[in-house]
Amino acid sequence: MVWAQGLLCGALAALATPTAILMGVLLGPALFAVLLDSEPGKPTGRCVVLASMAASVVPLKTLWMGGHTMAIALALIGDLRTVASAWSAAAGGWLLVQVLPIGLRVALEAHAIARTARLRAERTKLVEVWGVGPDD
């Protein structure tokens, strides 16, 4: 499998150099995230790659529609907005993976605390109405 991936990467670099260079620059942080992610399944790396690839679609389309030349690839790489949007999307993907679980945990904990308070108030009201406590 590693041999096949190396062969495919070599063919891409040889036959589609403008695409390889453009995607190498735009997906650089994603590759870095995949290499640094040591968790099984690489969830952080996958999210960063997905967000970065989503931001790389328009520049890649521009490259292909413009004639797939090295000049267009270098012009896209030289455009700060293009690179910044792809790298910002990668940062957003990383932030999403890091912050979303914490935010969900806080929201679920707040919901559980509110529900517990509501049930305790309901129990207190039933004890007053029926005159029977939980210890009786």
Protein backbone atom coordinates (compact mmCIF):
# COMPACT_ATOMS: atom_id res chain seq x y z
CA MET A 1 0.00 0.00 0.00
CA VAL A 2 2.82 2.40 0.83
CA TRP A 3 4.47 1.61 -2.49
CA ALA A 4 1.23 2.33 -4.37
CA GLN A 5 0.76 5.61 -2.52
CA GLY A 6 4.32 6.65 -3.34
CA LEU A 7 3.81 5.76 -6.98
CA LEU A 8 0.58 7.74 -7.13
CA CYS A 9 2.18 10.73 -5.42
CA GLY A 10 5.13 10.60 -7.83
CA ALA A 11 2.80 10.42 -10.82
CA LEU A 12 0.81 13.38 -9.50
CA ALA A 13 3.95 15.44 -9.00
CA ALA A 14 5.24 14.55 -12.47
CA LEU A 15 2.04 14.88 -14.48
CA ALA A 16 0.15 17.53 -12.58
CA THR A 17 2.82 19.73 -11.06
CA PRO A 18 0.67 22.90 -10.83
CA THR A 19 -2.06 20.99 -8.99
CA ALA A 20 0.48 19.29 -6.70
CA ILE A 21 2.14 22.57 -5.81
CA LEU A 22 -1.15 24.41 -5.22
CA MET A 23 -2.63 21.64 -3.11
CA GLY A 24 0.64 21.17 -1.25
CA VAL A 25 0.59 24.78 -0.12
CA LEU A 26 -3.13 24.96 0.60
CA LEU A 27 -3.24 21.63 2.43
CA GLY A 28 0.05 22.13 4.29
CA PRO A 29 -1.54 22.68 7.72
CA ALA A 30 -3.80 19.68 7.14
CA LEU A 31 -0.82 17.45 6.46
CA PHE A 32 0.86 18.82 9.57
CA ALA A 33 -2.28 18.07 11.62
CA VAL A 34 -2.47 14.50 10.31
CA LEU A 35 1.18 13.92 11.16
CA LEU A 36 0.77 15.28 14.69
CA ASP A 37 -2.50 13.48 15.48
CA SER A 38 -1.63 10.37 17.46
CA GLU A 39 -5.18 9.26 18.30
CA PRO A 40 -6.57 6.14 16.66
CA GLY A 41 -8.46 7.09 13.51
CA LYS A 42 -6.86 10.55 13.56
CA PRO A 43 -10.12 12.49 14.21
CA THR A 44 -8.44 15.88 14.51
CA GLY A 45 -6.40 15.38 11.36
CA ARG A 46 -9.44 14.23 9.40
CA CYS A 47 -11.48 17.27 10.43
CA VAL A 48 -8.65 19.65 9.57
CA VAL A 49 -8.19 17.94 6.18
CA LEU A 50 -11.91 18.14 5.45
CA ALA A 51 -12.16 21.83 6.32
CA SER A 52 -8.99 22.66 4.41
CA MET A 53 -10.10 20.71 1.34
CA ALA A 54 -13.43 22.52 1.35
CA ALA A 55 -11.59 25.85 1.22
CA SER A 56 -9.30 24.56 -1.56
CA VAL A 57 -12.06 23.71 -4.05
CA VAL A 58 -12.42 27.19 -5.56
CA PRO A 59 -8.68 27.77 -6.09
CA LEU A 60 -8.33 24.31 -7.64
CA LYS A 61 -11.29 25.00 -9.94
CA THR A 62 -9.72 28.33 -10.89
CA LEU A 63 -6.48 26.55 -11.73
CA TRP A 64 -8.18 23.94 -13.89
CA MET A 65 -10.46 26.42 -15.67
CA GLY A 66 -7.55 28.77 -16.31
CA GLY A 67 -5.56 26.26 -18.30
CA HIS A 68 -3.70 24.34 -15.57
CA THR A 69 -0.47 26.27 -15.95
CA MET A 70 2.33 26.86 -13.52
CA ALA A 71 1.82 30.64 -13.80
CA ILE A 72 -1.75 30.38 -12.56
CA ALA A 73 -0.73 28.04 -9.73
CA LEU A 74 1.97 30.44 -8.57
CA ALA A 75 -0.44 33.39 -8.87
CA LEU A 76 -2.95 31.56 -6.66
CA ILE A 77 -0.26 30.69 -4.15
CA GLY A 78 0.90 34.31 -4.17
CA ASP A 79 -2.62 35.54 -3.42
CA LEU A 80 -2.71 36.03 0.33
CA ARG A 81 -6.50 35.70 0.53
CA THR A 82 -6.45 32.28 -1.13
CA VAL A 83 -3.81 30.83 1.16
CA ALA A 84 -5.23 32.56 4.23
CA SER A 85 -8.72 31.21 3.59
CA ALA A 86 -7.46 27.63 3.24
CA TRP A 87 -5.26 27.90 6.31
CA SER A 88 -8.03 29.63 8.29
CA ALA A 89 -10.42 26.83 7.36
CA ALA A 90 -7.84 24.33 8.61
CA ALA A 91 -7.58 26.28 11.87
CA GLY A 92 -11.37 26.35 12.08
CA GLY A 93 -11.50 22.58 11.65
CA TRP A 94 -8.94 22.13 14.41
CA LEU A 95 -10.81 24.54 16.67
CA LEU A 96 -14.07 22.74 15.99
CA VAL A 97 -12.60 19.42 17.06
CA GLN A 98 -11.06 20.91 20.18
CA VAL A 99 -13.90 23.20 21.33
CA LEU A 100 -17.07 21.40 20.25
CA PRO A 101 -16.75 18.49 22.71
CA ILE A 102 -16.21 20.93 25.57
CA GLY A 103 -19.18 23.04 24.49
CA LEU A 104 -21.40 19.98 24.18
CA ARG A 105 -20.33 18.74 27.59
CA VAL A 106 -21.14 22.11 29.16
CA ALA A 107 -24.54 22.29 27.43
CA LEU A 108 -25.48 18.72 28.42
CA GLU A 109 -24.34 19.28 31.99
CA ALA A 110 -26.41 22.49 32.23
CA HIS A 111 -29.43 20.64 30.83
CA ALA A 112 -28.98 17.82 33.36
CA ILE A 113 -28.67 20.27 36.25
CA ALA A 114 -31.81 22.13 35.15
CA ARG A 115 -33.75 18.88 34.77
CA THR A 116 -32.61 17.68 38.20
CA ALA A 117 -33.75 20.95 39.77
CA ARG A 118 -37.12 20.68 37.98
CA LEU A 119 -37.62 17.09 39.17
CA ARG A 120 -36.68 17.98 42.75
CA ALA A 121 -39.18 20.84 42.73
CA GLU A 122 -41.84 18.49 41.36
CA ARG A 123 -41.03 15.91 44.06
CA THR A 124 -41.29 18.59 46.76
CA LYS A 125 -44.66 19.69 45.39
CA LEU A 126 -45.95 16.09 45.34
CA VAL A 127 -44.76 15.50 48.91
CA GLU A 128 -46.69 18.60 50.01
CA VAL A 129 -49.85 17.57 48.14
CA TRP A 130 -49.84 13.90 49.17
CA GLY A 131 -48.25 14.36 52.58
CA VAL A 132 -46.00 11.38 52.01
CA GLY A 133 -42.24 11.89 51.92
CA PRO A 134 -39.59 9.78 50.24
CA ASP A 135 -38.63 8.28 53.62
CA ASP A 136 -42.21 7.17 54.48
